[in-house]
Amino acid sequence: RKYDCAEWGGTETAVLGLCAGLKSQGTASVV
Protein backbone atom coordinates (compact mmCIF):
# COMPACT_ATOMS: atom_id res chain seq x y z
CA ARG A 1 0.00 0.00 0.00
CA LYS A 2 3.09 2.23 0.14
CA TYR A 3 6.54 2.16 -1.42
CA ASP A 4 8.43 5.43 -1.49
CA CYS A 5 12.21 5.09 -1.37
CA ALA A 6 12.40 8.52 0.29
CA GLU A 7 10.32 7.15 3.19
CA TRP A 8 12.05 3.81 3.60
CA GLY A 9 11.05 1.79 6.65
CA GLY A 10 10.77 -1.66 8.17
CA THR A 11 8.07 -2.98 5.84
CA GLU A 12 10.13 -2.03 2.80
CA THR A 13 13.20 -3.70 4.29
CA ALA A 14 11.22 -6.85 5.06
CA VAL A 15 9.78 -7.05 1.54
CA LEU A 16 13.21 -6.47 0.00
CA GLY A 17 14.64 -9.26 2.14
CA LEU A 18 11.85 -11.67 1.25
CA CYS A 19 11.99 -10.95 -2.49
CA ALA A 20 15.79 -11.20 -2.58
CA GLY A 21 15.65 -14.44 -0.62
CA LEU A 22 13.02 -15.90 -2.96
CA LYS A 23 15.18 -14.90 -5.91
CA SER A 24 18.03 -16.92 -4.44
CA GLN A 25 15.62 -19.88 -4.37
CA GLY A 26 14.77 -19.45 -8.05
CA THR A 27 11.43 -17.70 -7.49
CA ALA A 28 10.57 -14.49 -9.33
CA SER A 29 8.86 -11.65 -7.45
CA VAL A 30 6.90 -8.71 -8.83
CA VAL A 31 6.11 -5.85 -6.45
Full PDB file with SEQRES, HELIX, SHEET, SSBOND, CRYST1, ORIGX, SCALE, CONECT and MASTER records, all heavy atoms in Angstrom:
SEQRES   1 A   31  ARG LYS TYR ASP CYS ALA GLU TRP GLY GLY THR GLU THR          
SEQRES   2 A   31  ALA VAL LEU GLY LEU CYS ALA GLY LEU LYS SER GLN GLY          
SEQRES   3 A   31  THR ALA SER VAL VAL                                          
HELIX    1 AA1 CYS A    5  GLU A    7  5                                   3    
HELIX    2 AA2 GLY A   10  SER A   24  1                                  15    
CRYST1    1.000    1.000    1.000  90.00  90.00  90.00 P 1           1          
ORIGX1      1.000000  0.000000  0.000000        0.00000                         
ORIGX2      0.000000  1.000000  0.000000        0.00000                         
ORIGX3      0.000000  0.000000  1.000000        0.00000                         
SCALE1      1.000000  0.000000  0.000000        0.00000                         
SCALE2      0.000000  1.000000  0.000000        0.00000                         
SCALE3      0.000000  0.000000  1.000000        0.00000                         
ATOM      1  N   ARG A   1       0.827  -1.204   0.000  1.00  0.00           N  
ATOM      2  CA  ARG A   1       0.000   0.000   0.000  1.00  0.00           C  
ATOM      3  C   ARG A   1       0.861   1.253   0.000  1.00  0.00           C  
ATOM      4  O   ARG A   1       0.348   2.366  -0.136  1.00  0.00           O  
ATOM      5  CB  ARG A   1      -0.926   0.028   1.216  1.00  0.00           C  
ATOM      6  CG  ARG A   1      -0.198   0.079   2.553  1.00  0.00           C  
ATOM      7  CD  ARG A   1      -1.102   0.520   3.689  1.00  0.00           C  
ATOM      8  NE  ARG A   1      -1.677   1.810   3.456  1.00  0.00           N  
ATOM      9  CZ  ARG A   1      -1.035   2.961   3.623  1.00  0.00           C  
ATOM     10  NH1 ARG A   1       0.242   2.975   4.004  1.00  0.00           N  
ATOM     11  NH2 ARG A   1      -1.641   4.113   3.413  1.00  0.00           N  
ATOM     12  N   LYS A   2       2.167   1.087   0.122  1.00  0.00           N  
ATOM     13  CA  LYS A   2       3.087   2.228   0.136  1.00  0.00           C  
ATOM     14  C   LYS A   2       4.478   1.737  -0.214  1.00  0.00           C  
ATOM     15  O   LYS A   2       4.941   0.737   0.325  1.00  0.00           O  
ATOM     16  CB  LYS A   2       3.093   2.888   1.519  1.00  0.00           C  
ATOM     17  CG  LYS A   2       4.135   3.980   1.711  1.00  0.00           C  
ATOM     18  CD  LYS A   2       4.033   4.555   3.123  1.00  0.00           C  
ATOM     19  CE  LYS A   2       5.141   5.562   3.400  1.00  0.00           C  
ATOM     20  NZ  LYS A   2       6.463   4.917   3.504  1.00  0.00           N  
ATOM     21  N   TYR A   3       5.124   2.418  -1.142  1.00  0.00           N  
ATOM     22  CA  TYR A   3       6.536   2.156  -1.419  1.00  0.00           C  
ATOM     23  C   TYR A   3       7.147   3.406  -2.000  1.00  0.00           C  
ATOM     24  O   TYR A   3       7.062   3.676  -3.194  1.00  0.00           O  
ATOM     25  CB  TYR A   3       6.717   0.965  -2.377  1.00  0.00           C  
ATOM     26  CG  TYR A   3       8.175   0.691  -2.678  1.00  0.00           C  
ATOM     27  CD1 TYR A   3       9.087   0.494  -1.641  1.00  0.00           C  
ATOM     28  CD2 TYR A   3       8.638   0.659  -3.984  1.00  0.00           C  
ATOM     29  CE1 TYR A   3      10.420   0.264  -1.907  1.00  0.00           C  
ATOM     30  CE2 TYR A   3       9.971   0.427  -4.265  1.00  0.00           C  
ATOM     31  CZ  TYR A   3      10.861   0.227  -3.221  1.00  0.00           C  
ATOM     32  OH  TYR A   3      12.201   0.008  -3.485  1.00  0.00           O  
ATOM     33  N   ASP A   4       7.749   4.188  -1.119  1.00  0.00           N  
ATOM     34  CA  ASP A   4       8.427   5.426  -1.494  1.00  0.00           C  
ATOM     35  C   ASP A   4       9.840   5.322  -0.934  1.00  0.00           C  
ATOM     36  O   ASP A   4      10.032   5.281   0.287  1.00  0.00           O  
ATOM     37  CB  ASP A   4       7.694   6.628  -0.899  1.00  0.00           C  
ATOM     38  CG  ASP A   4       8.269   7.962  -1.366  1.00  0.00           C  
ATOM     39  OD1 ASP A   4       9.424   7.983  -1.828  1.00  0.00           O  
ATOM     40  OD2 ASP A   4       7.565   8.986  -1.262  1.00  0.00           O  
ATOM     41  N   CYS A   5      10.820   5.265  -1.812  1.00  0.00           N  
ATOM     42  CA  CYS A   5      12.205   5.090  -1.366  1.00  0.00           C  
ATOM     43  C   CYS A   5      12.664   6.217  -0.443  1.00  0.00           C  
ATOM     44  O   CYS A   5      13.562   6.020   0.382  1.00  0.00           O  
ATOM     45  CB  CYS A   5      13.133   4.995  -2.567  1.00  0.00           C  
ATOM     46  SG  CYS A   5      12.763   3.621  -3.668  1.00  0.00           S  
ATOM     47  N   ALA A   6      12.041   7.400  -0.577  1.00  0.00           N  
ATOM     48  CA  ALA A   6      12.397   8.523   0.288  1.00  0.00           C  
ATOM     49  C   ALA A   6      11.822   8.367   1.688  1.00  0.00           C  
ATOM     50  O   ALA A   6      12.196   9.119   2.589  1.00  0.00           O  
ATOM     51  CB  ALA A   6      11.905   9.836  -0.331  1.00  0.00           C  
ATOM     52  N   GLU A   7      10.918   7.401   1.876  1.00  0.00           N  
ATOM     53  CA  GLU A   7      10.320   7.146   3.189  1.00  0.00           C  
ATOM     54  C   GLU A   7      10.515   5.684   3.564  1.00  0.00           C  
ATOM     55  O   GLU A   7       9.613   4.996   4.019  1.00  0.00           O  
ATOM     56  CB  GLU A   7       8.835   7.512   3.179  1.00  0.00           C  
ATOM     57  CG  GLU A   7       8.575   8.992   2.929  1.00  0.00           C  
ATOM     58  CD  GLU A   7       7.103   9.338   2.935  1.00  0.00           C  
ATOM     59  OE1 GLU A   7       6.267   8.406   3.029  1.00  0.00           O  
ATOM     60  OE2 GLU A   7       6.773  10.533   2.861  1.00  0.00           O  
ATOM     61  N   TRP A   8      11.730   5.216   3.386  1.00  0.00           N  
ATOM     62  CA  TRP A   8      12.050   3.807   3.600  1.00  0.00           C  
ATOM     63  C   TRP A   8      11.850   3.437   5.064  1.00  0.00           C  
ATOM     64  O   TRP A   8      12.204   4.176   5.968  1.00  0.00           O  
ATOM     65  CB  TRP A   8      13.494   3.543   3.187  1.00  0.00           C  
ATOM     66  CG  TRP A   8      13.836   2.092   3.105  1.00  0.00           C  
ATOM     67  CD1 TRP A   8      14.283   1.295   4.113  1.00  0.00           C  
ATOM     68  CD2 TRP A   8      13.738   1.256   1.948  1.00  0.00           C  
ATOM     69  NE1 TRP A   8      14.470   0.009   3.674  1.00  0.00           N  
ATOM     70  CE2 TRP A   8      14.146  -0.038   2.348  1.00  0.00           C  
ATOM     71  CE3 TRP A   8      13.346   1.468   0.632  1.00  0.00           C  
ATOM     72  CZ2 TRP A   8      14.179  -1.118   1.468  1.00  0.00           C  
ATOM     73  CZ3 TRP A   8      13.376   0.409  -0.247  1.00  0.00           C  
ATOM     74  CH2 TRP A   8      13.795  -0.870   0.165  1.00  0.00           C  
ATOM     75  N   GLY A   9      11.289   2.243   5.293  1.00  0.00           N  
ATOM     76  CA  GLY A   9      11.048   1.788   6.650  1.00  0.00           C  
ATOM     77  C   GLY A   9      11.150   0.282   6.763  1.00  0.00           C  
ATOM     78  O   GLY A   9      11.631  -0.411   5.856  1.00  0.00           O  
ATOM     79  N   GLY A  10      10.642  -0.237   7.883  1.00  0.00           N  
ATOM     80  CA  GLY A  10      10.772  -1.656   8.170  1.00  0.00           C  
ATOM     81  C   GLY A  10      10.033  -2.556   7.195  1.00  0.00           C  
ATOM     82  O   GLY A  10      10.534  -3.624   6.819  1.00  0.00           O  
ATOM     83  N   THR A  11       8.827  -2.152   6.778  1.00  0.00           N  
ATOM     84  CA  THR A  11       8.070  -2.977   5.835  1.00  0.00           C  
ATOM     85  C   THR A  11       8.820  -3.109   4.520  1.00  0.00           C  
ATOM     86  O   THR A  11       8.920  -4.205   3.945  1.00  0.00           O  
ATOM     87  CB  THR A  11       6.674  -2.377   5.588  1.00  0.00           C  
ATOM     88  OG1 THR A  11       5.943  -2.370   6.812  1.00  0.00           O  
ATOM     89  CG2 THR A  11       5.914  -3.188   4.549  1.00  0.00           C  
ATOM     90  N   GLU A  12       9.361  -1.996   4.049  1.00  0.00           N  
ATOM     91  CA  GLU A  12      10.125  -2.027   2.795  1.00  0.00           C  
ATOM     92  C   GLU A  12      11.354  -2.939   2.926  1.00  0.00           C  
ATOM     93  O   GLU A  12      11.663  -3.712   2.009  1.00  0.00           O  
ATOM     94  CB  GLU A  12      10.553  -0.613   2.409  1.00  0.00           C  
ATOM     95  CG  GLU A  12       9.415   0.300   1.994  1.00  0.00           C  
ATOM     96  CD  GLU A  12       8.683   0.943   3.160  1.00  0.00           C  
ATOM     97  OE1 GLU A  12       9.041   0.659   4.328  1.00  0.00           O  
ATOM     98  OE2 GLU A  12       7.745   1.719   2.925  1.00  0.00           O  
ATOM     99  N   THR A  13      12.030  -2.848   4.065  1.00  0.00           N  
ATOM    100  CA  THR A  13      13.201  -3.699   4.290  1.00  0.00           C  
ATOM    101  C   THR A  13      12.807  -5.164   4.326  1.00  0.00           C  
ATOM    102  O   THR A  13      13.499  -6.030   3.764  1.00  0.00           O  
ATOM    103  CB  THR A  13      13.896  -3.311   5.602  1.00  0.00           C  
ATOM    104  OG1 THR A  13      14.288  -1.936   5.543  1.00  0.00           O  
ATOM    105  CG2 THR A  13      15.137  -4.166   5.842  1.00  0.00           C  
ATOM    106  N   ALA A  14      11.678  -5.462   4.976  1.00  0.00           N  
ATOM    107  CA  ALA A  14      11.222  -6.847   5.063  1.00  0.00           C  
ATOM    108  C   ALA A  14      10.854  -7.395   3.692  1.00  0.00           C  
ATOM    109  O   ALA A  14      11.191  -8.544   3.356  1.00  0.00           O  
ATOM    110  CB  ALA A  14      10.024  -6.929   6.013  1.00  0.00           C  
ATOM    111  N   VAL A  15      10.175  -6.592   2.881  1.00  0.00           N  
ATOM    112  CA  VAL A  15       9.781  -7.048   1.541  1.00  0.00           C  
ATOM    113  C   VAL A  15      11.014  -7.237   0.660  1.00  0.00           C  
ATOM    114  O   VAL A  15      11.108  -8.217  -0.091  1.00  0.00           O  
ATOM    115  CB  VAL A  15       8.797  -6.046   0.908  1.00  0.00           C  
ATOM    116  CG1 VAL A  15       8.545  -6.376  -0.559  1.00  0.00           C  
ATOM    117  CG2 VAL A  15       7.475  -6.046   1.683  1.00  0.00           C  
ATOM    118  N   LEU A  16      11.964  -6.315   0.759  1.00  0.00           N  
ATOM    119  CA  LEU A  16      13.210  -6.468   0.005  1.00  0.00           C  
ATOM    120  C   LEU A  16      13.911  -7.766   0.392  1.00  0.00           C  
ATOM    121  O   LEU A  16      14.369  -8.526  -0.475  1.00  0.00           O  
ATOM    122  CB  LEU A  16      14.130  -5.274   0.276  1.00  0.00           C  
ATOM    123  CG  LEU A  16      15.558  -5.381  -0.260  1.00  0.00           C  
ATOM    124  CD1 LEU A  16      15.563  -5.540  -1.777  1.00  0.00           C  
ATOM    125  CD2 LEU A  16      16.376  -4.150   0.146  1.00  0.00           C  
ATOM    126  N   GLY A  17      13.989  -8.042   1.696  1.00  0.00           N  
ATOM    127  CA  GLY A  17      14.642  -9.264   2.142  1.00  0.00           C  
ATOM    128  C   GLY A  17      13.935 -10.511   1.657  1.00  0.00           C  
ATOM    129  O   GLY A  17      14.583 -11.478   1.219  1.00  0.00           O  
ATOM    130  N   LEU A  18      12.611 -10.506   1.700  1.00  0.00           N  
ATOM    131  CA  LEU A  18      11.851 -11.668   1.248  1.00  0.00           C  
ATOM    132  C   LEU A  18      12.019 -11.889  -0.249  1.00  0.00           C  
ATOM    133  O   LEU A  18      12.284 -13.013  -0.699  1.00  0.00           O  
ATOM    134  CB  LEU A  18      10.371 -11.480   1.595  1.00  0.00           C  
ATOM    135  CG  LEU A  18       9.411 -12.546   1.071  1.00  0.00           C  
ATOM    136  CD1 LEU A  18       9.789 -13.922   1.572  1.00  0.00           C  
ATOM    137  CD2 LEU A  18       7.968 -12.207   1.459  1.00  0.00           C  
ATOM    138  N   CYS A  19      11.874 -10.812  -1.027  1.00  0.00           N  
ATOM    139  CA  CYS A  19      11.994 -10.952  -2.486  1.00  0.00           C  
ATOM    140  C   CYS A  19      13.400 -11.383  -2.898  1.00  0.00           C  
ATOM    141  O   CYS A  19      13.561 -12.228  -3.795  1.00  0.00           O  
ATOM    142  CB  CYS A  19      11.619  -9.639  -3.167  1.00  0.00           C  
ATOM    143  SG  CYS A  19       9.880  -9.184  -3.029  1.00  0.00           S  
ATOM    144  N   ALA A  20      14.411 -10.808  -2.256  1.00  0.00           N  
ATOM    145  CA  ALA A  20      15.788 -11.202  -2.576  1.00  0.00           C  
ATOM    146  C   ALA A  20      16.038 -12.656  -2.177  1.00  0.00           C  
ATOM    147  O   ALA A  20      16.716 -13.403  -2.900  1.00  0.00           O  
ATOM    148  CB  ALA A  20      16.768 -10.270  -1.858  1.00  0.00           C  
ATOM    149  N   GLY A  21      15.498 -13.053  -1.032  1.00  0.00           N  
ATOM    150  CA  GLY A  21      15.646 -14.443  -0.618  1.00  0.00           C  
ATOM    151  C   GLY A  21      14.947 -15.397  -1.559  1.00  0.00           C  
ATOM    152  O   GLY A  21      15.477 -16.460  -1.910  1.00  0.00           O  
ATOM    153  N   LEU A  22      13.740 -15.053  -1.999  1.00  0.00           N  
ATOM    154  CA  LEU A  22      13.025 -15.897  -2.955  1.00  0.00           C  
ATOM    155  C   LEU A  22      13.777 -15.990  -4.275  1.00  0.00           C  
ATOM    156  O   LEU A  22      13.814 -17.056  -4.920  1.00  0.00           O  
ATOM    157  CB  LEU A  22      11.618 -15.342  -3.186  1.00  0.00           C  
ATOM    158  CG  LEU A  22      10.632 -15.478  -2.017  1.00  0.00           C  
ATOM    159  CD1 LEU A  22       9.358 -14.697  -2.300  1.00  0.00           C  
ATOM    160  CD2 LEU A  22      10.312 -16.942  -1.747  1.00  0.00           C  
ATOM    161  N   LYS A  23      14.389 -14.885  -4.671  1.00  0.00           N  
ATOM    162  CA  LYS A  23      15.175 -14.896  -5.911  1.00  0.00           C  
ATOM    163  C   LYS A  23      16.318 -15.897  -5.809  1.00  0.00           C  
ATOM    164  O   LYS A  23      16.619 -16.617  -6.767  1.00  0.00           O  
ATOM    165  CB  LYS A  23      15.705 -13.498  -6.192  1.00  0.00           C  
ATOM    166  CG  LYS A  23      16.476 -13.382  -7.509  1.00  0.00           C  
ATOM    167  CD  LYS A  23      16.983 -11.954  -7.728  1.00  0.00           C  
ATOM    168  CE  LYS A  23      17.775 -11.861  -9.026  1.00  0.00           C  
ATOM    169  NZ  LYS A  23      18.314 -10.493  -9.234  1.00  0.00           N  
ATOM    170  N   SER A  24      16.943 -15.959  -4.629  1.00  0.00           N  
ATOM    171  CA  SER A  24      18.033 -16.918  -4.438  1.00  0.00           C  
ATOM    172  C   SER A  24      17.541 -18.360  -4.491  1.00  0.00           C  
ATOM    173  O   SER A  24      18.329 -19.283  -4.705  1.00  0.00           O  
ATOM    174  CB  SER A  24      18.737 -16.655  -3.097  1.00  0.00           C  
ATOM    175  OG  SER A  24      17.918 -17.055  -2.005  1.00  0.00           O  
ATOM    176  N   GLN A  25      16.215 -18.548  -4.299  1.00  0.00           N  
ATOM    177  CA  GLN A  25      15.623 -19.876  -4.365  1.00  0.00           C  
ATOM    178  C   GLN A  25      15.017 -20.160  -5.742  1.00  0.00           C  
ATOM    179  O   GLN A  25      14.317 -21.151  -5.924  1.00  0.00           O  
ATOM    180  CB  GLN A  25      14.528 -20.000  -3.308  1.00  0.00           C  
ATOM    181  CG  GLN A  25      14.991 -19.770  -1.883  1.00  0.00           C  
ATOM    182  CD  GLN A  25      15.941 -20.833  -1.397  1.00  0.00           C  
ATOM    183  OE1 GLN A  25      15.694 -22.026  -1.591  1.00  0.00           O  
ATOM    184  NE2 GLN A  25      17.041 -20.429  -0.776  1.00  0.00           N  
ATOM    185  N   GLY A  26      15.259 -19.251  -6.699  1.00  0.00           N  
ATOM    186  CA  GLY A  26      14.765 -19.454  -8.054  1.00  0.00           C  
ATOM    187  C   GLY A  26      13.335 -19.006  -8.279  1.00  0.00           C  
ATOM    188  O   GLY A  26      12.719 -19.380  -9.281  1.00  0.00           O  
ATOM    189  N   THR A  27      12.799 -18.181  -7.368  1.00  0.00           N  
ATOM    190  CA  THR A  27      11.428 -17.704  -7.488  1.00  0.00           C  
ATOM    191  C   THR A  27      11.419 -16.228  -7.857  1.00  0.00           C  
ATOM    192  O   THR A  27      12.081 -15.414  -7.199  1.00  0.00           O  
ATOM    193  CB  THR A  27      10.671 -17.907  -6.161  1.00  0.00           C  
ATOM    194  OG1 THR A  27      10.565 -19.314  -5.913  1.00  0.00           O  
ATOM    195  CG2 THR A  27       9.277 -17.312  -6.220  1.00  0.00           C  
ATOM    196  N   ALA A  28      10.663 -15.876  -8.882  1.00  0.00           N  
ATOM    197  CA  ALA A  28      10.569 -14.488  -9.329  1.00  0.00           C  
ATOM    198  C   ALA A  28       9.510 -13.752  -8.508  1.00  0.00           C  
ATOM    199  O   ALA A  28       8.463 -14.306  -8.167  1.00  0.00           O  
ATOM    200  CB  ALA A  28      10.206 -14.433 -10.809  1.00  0.00           C  
ATOM    201  N   SER A  29       9.800 -12.498  -8.175  1.00  0.00           N  
ATOM    202  CA  SER A  29       8.859 -11.654  -7.448  1.00  0.00           C  
ATOM    203  C   SER A  29       8.566 -10.403  -8.258  1.00  0.00           C  
ATOM    204  O   SER A  29       9.463  -9.848  -8.898  1.00  0.00           O  
ATOM    205  CB  SER A  29       9.432 -11.252  -6.086  1.00  0.00           C  
ATOM    206  OG  SER A  29       9.571 -12.371  -5.233  1.00  0.00           O  
ATOM    207  N   VAL A  30       7.304  -9.968  -8.224  1.00  0.00           N  
ATOM    208  CA  VAL A  30       6.901  -8.708  -8.834  1.00  0.00           C  
ATOM    209  C   VAL A  30       6.193  -7.900  -7.759  1.00  0.00           C  
ATOM    210  O   VAL A  30       5.227  -8.376  -7.154  1.00  0.00           O  
ATOM    211  CB  VAL A  30       5.952  -8.932 -10.030  1.00  0.00           C  
ATOM    212  CG1 VAL A  30       5.594  -7.600 -10.685  1.00  0.00           C  
ATOM    213  CG2 VAL A  30       6.578  -9.878 -11.038  1.00  0.00           C  
ATOM    214  N   VAL A  31       6.685  -6.694  -7.494  1.00  0.00           N  
ATOM    215  CA  VAL A  31       6.115  -5.849  -6.446  1.00  0.00           C  
ATOM    216  C   VAL A  31       5.169  -4.839  -7.077  1.00  0.00           C  
ATOM    217  O   VAL A  31       5.545  -4.116  -8.006  1.00  0.00           O  
ATOM    218  CB  VAL A  31       7.228  -5.131  -5.655  1.00  0.00           C  
ATOM    219  CG1 VAL A  31       6.636  -4.097  -4.705  1.00  0.00           C  
ATOM    220  CG2 VAL A  31       8.063  -6.150  -4.877  1.00  0.00           C  
TER     221      VAL A  31                                                      
MASTER        0    0    0    2    0    0    0    6  220    1    0    3          
END                                                                             
